[in-house]
Amino acid sequence: MKKKRIRHIPFHFMVSEKELEKIKERMAEAGIINRSEFVRRMAIKGYTINIDTSFVRELTFLLRKSVNNLKQIAAHTNAHGMYVDEIAALQKGYDELWGMVSDIIKYTAEIMML
């Protein structure tokens, strides 16, 4: 079963080659590759916001890697009964850190939707 389109009204207009190049330049500056999305944003909001989110991706990657390491240490510790309290404290700290990172991701997404 096909998904119903949210946007079902076609909206077409003509541009010159020079205007098309200018639109492509502005799309590149905004980091948008979908022409329909770009034109829709510009027509409705009058602006686009381009945010470099590479730091969030890197932070998430590093945090996931650290959590995986913690899980391995916790498994070893649970098997041998060593340093259980320290591992529990580390896990609590990671949970708090994930909460903060989730907030950063949420706020970044909200800004991008402006």
C-alpha atoms as a PDB file:
ATOM      1  CA  MET A   1       0.000   0.000   0.000  1.00  0.00           C
ATOM      2  CA  LYS A   2       1.393   3.367  -1.008  1.00  0.00           C
ATOM      3  CA  LYS A   3       1.849   6.137   1.503  1.00  0.00           C
ATOM      4  CA  LYS A   4      -0.370   9.131   0.917  1.00  0.00           C
ATOM      5  CA  ARG A   5       1.485  12.278  -0.010  1.00  0.00           C
ATOM      6  CA  ILE A   6       1.421  15.078   2.521  1.00  0.00           C
ATOM      7  CA  ARG A   7       2.006  17.647  -0.192  1.00  0.00           C
ATOM      8  CA  HIS A   8      -0.265  16.910  -3.122  1.00  0.00           C
ATOM      9  CA  ILE A   9      -0.592  20.309  -4.806  1.00  0.00           C
ATOM     10  CA  PRO A  10       1.990  20.912  -7.558  1.00  0.00           C
ATOM     11  CA  PHE A  11       3.618  24.343  -7.639  1.00  0.00           C
ATOM     12  CA  HIS A  12       5.749  25.117 -10.690  1.00  0.00           C
ATOM     13  CA  PHE A  13       7.498  28.239 -11.928  1.00  0.00           C
ATOM     14  CA  MET A  14      10.061  29.070 -14.574  1.00  0.00           C
ATOM     15  CA  VAL A  15      13.550  30.526 -14.011  1.00  0.00           C
ATOM     16  CA  SER A  16      16.391  31.601 -16.265  1.00  0.00           C
ATOM     17  CA  GLU A  17      19.739  29.811 -16.305  1.00  0.00           C
ATOM     18  CA  LYS A  18      21.283  32.653 -14.306  1.00  0.00           C
ATOM     19  CA  GLU A  19      18.518  32.457 -11.688  1.00  0.00           C
ATOM     20  CA  LEU A  20      18.883  28.668 -11.476  1.00  0.00           C
ATOM     21  CA  GLU A  21      22.620  29.027 -10.824  1.00  0.00           C
ATOM     22  CA  LYS A  22      21.902  31.559  -8.075  1.00  0.00           C
ATOM     23  CA  ILE A  23      19.352  29.166  -6.524  1.00  0.00           C
ATOM     24  CA  LYS A  24      21.901  26.324  -6.651  1.00  0.00           C
ATOM     25  CA  GLU A  25      24.512  28.558  -4.973  1.00  0.00           C
ATOM     26  CA  ARG A  26      22.082  29.473  -2.188  1.00  0.00           C
ATOM     27  CA  MET A  27      21.146  25.797  -1.770  1.00  0.00           C
ATOM     28  CA  ALA A  28      24.822  24.876  -1.417  1.00  0.00           C
ATOM     29  CA  GLU A  29      25.332  27.650   1.154  1.00  0.00           C
ATOM     30  CA  ALA A  30      22.347  26.372   3.132  1.00  0.00           C
ATOM     31  CA  GLY A  31      23.464  22.756   2.839  1.00  0.00           C
ATOM     32  CA  ILE A  32      20.180  21.683   1.240  1.00  0.00           C
ATOM     33  CA  ILE A  33      20.295  19.302  -1.710  1.00  0.00           C
ATOM     34  CA  ASN A  34      16.550  18.947  -2.316  1.00  0.00           C
ATOM     35  CA  ARG A  35      15.360  21.820  -4.497  1.00  0.00           C
ATOM     36  CA  SER A  36      11.701  21.467  -3.450  1.00  0.00           C
ATOM     37  CA  GLU A  37      12.632  21.637   0.217  1.00  0.00           C
ATOM     38  CA  PHE A  38      14.779  24.724  -0.373  1.00  0.00           C
ATOM     39  CA  VAL A  39      12.130  26.591  -2.360  1.00  0.00           C
ATOM     40  CA  ARG A  40       9.427  25.634   0.165  1.00  0.00           C
ATOM     41  CA  ARG A  41      11.528  26.907   3.107  1.00  0.00           C
ATOM     42  CA  MET A  42      12.393  30.138   1.341  1.00  0.00           C
ATOM     43  CA  ALA A  43       8.808  30.771   0.244  1.00  0.00           C
ATOM     44  CA  ILE A  44       7.321  30.072   3.670  1.00  0.00           C
ATOM     45  CA  LYS A  45      10.008  31.329   6.059  1.00  0.00           C
ATOM     46  CA  GLY A  46      12.127  33.581   3.871  1.00  0.00           C
ATOM     47  CA  TYR A  47      15.386  32.139   5.207  1.00  0.00           C
ATOM     48  CA  THR A  48      17.271  28.933   5.884  1.00  0.00           C
ATOM     49  CA  ILE A  49      19.569  28.046   8.747  1.00  0.00           C
ATOM     50  CA  ASN A  50      22.618  25.901   8.154  1.00  0.00           C
ATOM     51  CA  ILE A  51      24.117  24.385  11.307  1.00  0.00           C
ATOM     52  CA  ASP A  52      27.256  22.275  11.371  1.00  0.00           C
ATOM     53  CA  THR A  53      26.196  19.228  13.373  1.00  0.00           C
ATOM     54  CA  SER A  54      29.403  17.260  12.904  1.00  0.00           C
ATOM     55  CA  PHE A  55      30.343  17.903  16.540  1.00  0.00           C
ATOM     56  CA  VAL A  56      27.108  16.265  17.699  1.00  0.00           C
ATOM     57  CA  ARG A  57      27.741  13.217  15.517  1.00  0.00           C
ATOM     58  CA  GLU A  58      31.302  12.942  16.809  1.00  0.00           C
ATOM     59  CA  LEU A  59      30.174  13.360  20.418  1.00  0.00           C
ATOM     60  CA  THR A  60      27.511  10.675  19.987  1.00  0.00           C
ATOM     61  CA  PHE A  61      30.014   8.320  18.342  1.00  0.00           C
ATOM     62  CA  LEU A  62      32.539   8.748  21.156  1.00  0.00           C
ATOM     63  CA  LEU A  63      29.897   8.372  23.831  1.00  0.00           C
ATOM     64  CA  ARG A  64      28.585   5.153  22.274  1.00  0.00           C
ATOM     65  CA  LYS A  65      32.112   3.809  22.099  1.00  0.00           C
ATOM     66  CA  SER A  66      32.665   4.643  25.778  1.00  0.00           C
ATOM     67  CA  VAL A  67      29.387   3.023  26.794  1.00  0.00           C
ATOM     68  CA  ASN A  68      30.323  -0.145  24.907  1.00  0.00           C
ATOM     69  CA  ASN A  69      33.624  -0.224  26.785  1.00  0.00           C
ATOM     70  CA  LEU A  70      31.795   0.300  30.069  1.00  0.00           C
ATOM     71  CA  LYS A  71      29.445  -2.586  29.262  1.00  0.00           C
ATOM     72  CA  GLN A  72      32.421  -4.879  28.658  1.00  0.00           C
ATOM     73  CA  ILE A  73      34.003  -3.818  31.948  1.00  0.00           C
ATOM     74  CA  ALA A  74      30.685  -4.269  33.769  1.00  0.00           C
ATOM     75  CA  ALA A  75      30.255  -7.769  32.342  1.00  0.00           C
ATOM     76  CA  HIS A  76      33.763  -8.721  33.465  1.00  0.00           C
ATOM     77  CA  THR A  77      33.220  -7.152  36.875  1.00  0.00           C
ATOM     78  CA  ASN A  78      29.871  -8.897  37.374  1.00  0.00           C
ATOM     79  CA  ALA A  79      31.437 -12.232  36.465  1.00  0.00           C
ATOM     80  CA  HIS A  80      34.232 -11.804  39.010  1.00  0.00           C
ATOM     81  CA  GLY A  81      32.444  -9.663  41.644  1.00  0.00           C
ATOM     82  CA  MET A  82      35.065  -6.876  41.631  1.00  0.00           C
ATOM     83  CA  TYR A  83      34.469  -3.104  41.860  1.00  0.00           C
ATOM     84  CA  VAL A  84      30.681  -3.407  41.566  1.00  0.00           C
ATOM     85  CA  ASP A  85      30.034  -0.078  43.315  1.00  0.00           C
ATOM     86  CA  GLU A  86      32.454   1.788  41.036  1.00  0.00           C
ATOM     87  CA  ILE A  87      30.829   0.346  37.912  1.00  0.00           C
ATOM     88  CA  ALA A  88      27.380   1.327  39.192  1.00  0.00           C
ATOM     89  CA  ALA A  89      28.613   4.888  39.742  1.00  0.00           C
ATOM     90  CA  LEU A  90      30.091   4.987  36.224  1.00  0.00           C
ATOM     91  CA  GLN A  91      26.836   3.712  34.749  1.00  0.00           C
ATOM     92  CA  LYS A  92      24.891   6.416  36.585  1.00  0.00           C
ATOM     93  CA  GLY A  93      27.319   9.037  35.261  1.00  0.00           C
ATOM     94  CA  TYR A  94      26.910   7.756  31.699  1.00  0.00           C
ATOM     95  CA  ASP A  95      23.125   7.871  32.047  1.00  0.00           C
ATOM     96  CA  GLU A  96      23.336  11.532  33.097  1.00  0.00           C
ATOM     97  CA  LEU A  97      25.730  12.268  30.228  1.00  0.00           C
ATOM     98  CA  TRP A  98      23.388  10.610  27.715  1.00  0.00           C
ATOM     99  CA  GLY A  99      20.578  12.788  29.043  1.00  0.00           C
ATOM    100  CA  MET A 100      22.633  15.924  28.402  1.00  0.00           C
ATOM    101  CA  VAL A 101      23.648  14.762  24.920  1.00  0.00           C
ATOM    102  CA  SER A 102      19.999  13.966  24.142  1.00  0.00           C
ATOM    103  CA  ASP A 103      19.080  17.517  25.156  1.00  0.00           C
ATOM    104  CA  ILE A 104      21.786  18.936  22.869  1.00  0.00           C
ATOM    105  CA  ILE A 105      20.514  16.852  19.966  1.00  0.00           C
ATOM    106  CA  LYS A 106      16.909  17.883  20.668  1.00  0.00           C
ATOM    107  CA  TYR A 107      17.759  21.600  20.857  1.00  0.00           C
ATOM    108  CA  THR A 108      19.897  21.403  17.701  1.00  0.00           C
ATOM    109  CA  ALA A 109      16.995  19.743  15.859  1.00  0.00           C
ATOM    110  CA  GLU A 110      14.617  22.456  17.075  1.00  0.00           C
ATOM    111  CA  ILE A 111      16.957  25.177  15.818  1.00  0.00           C
ATOM    112  CA  MET A 112      17.274  23.456  12.459  1.00  0.00           C
ATOM    113  CA  MET A 113      13.484  23.381  12.107  1.00  0.00           C
ATOM    114  CA  LEU A 114      13.209  27.182  12.514  1.00  0.00           C
END
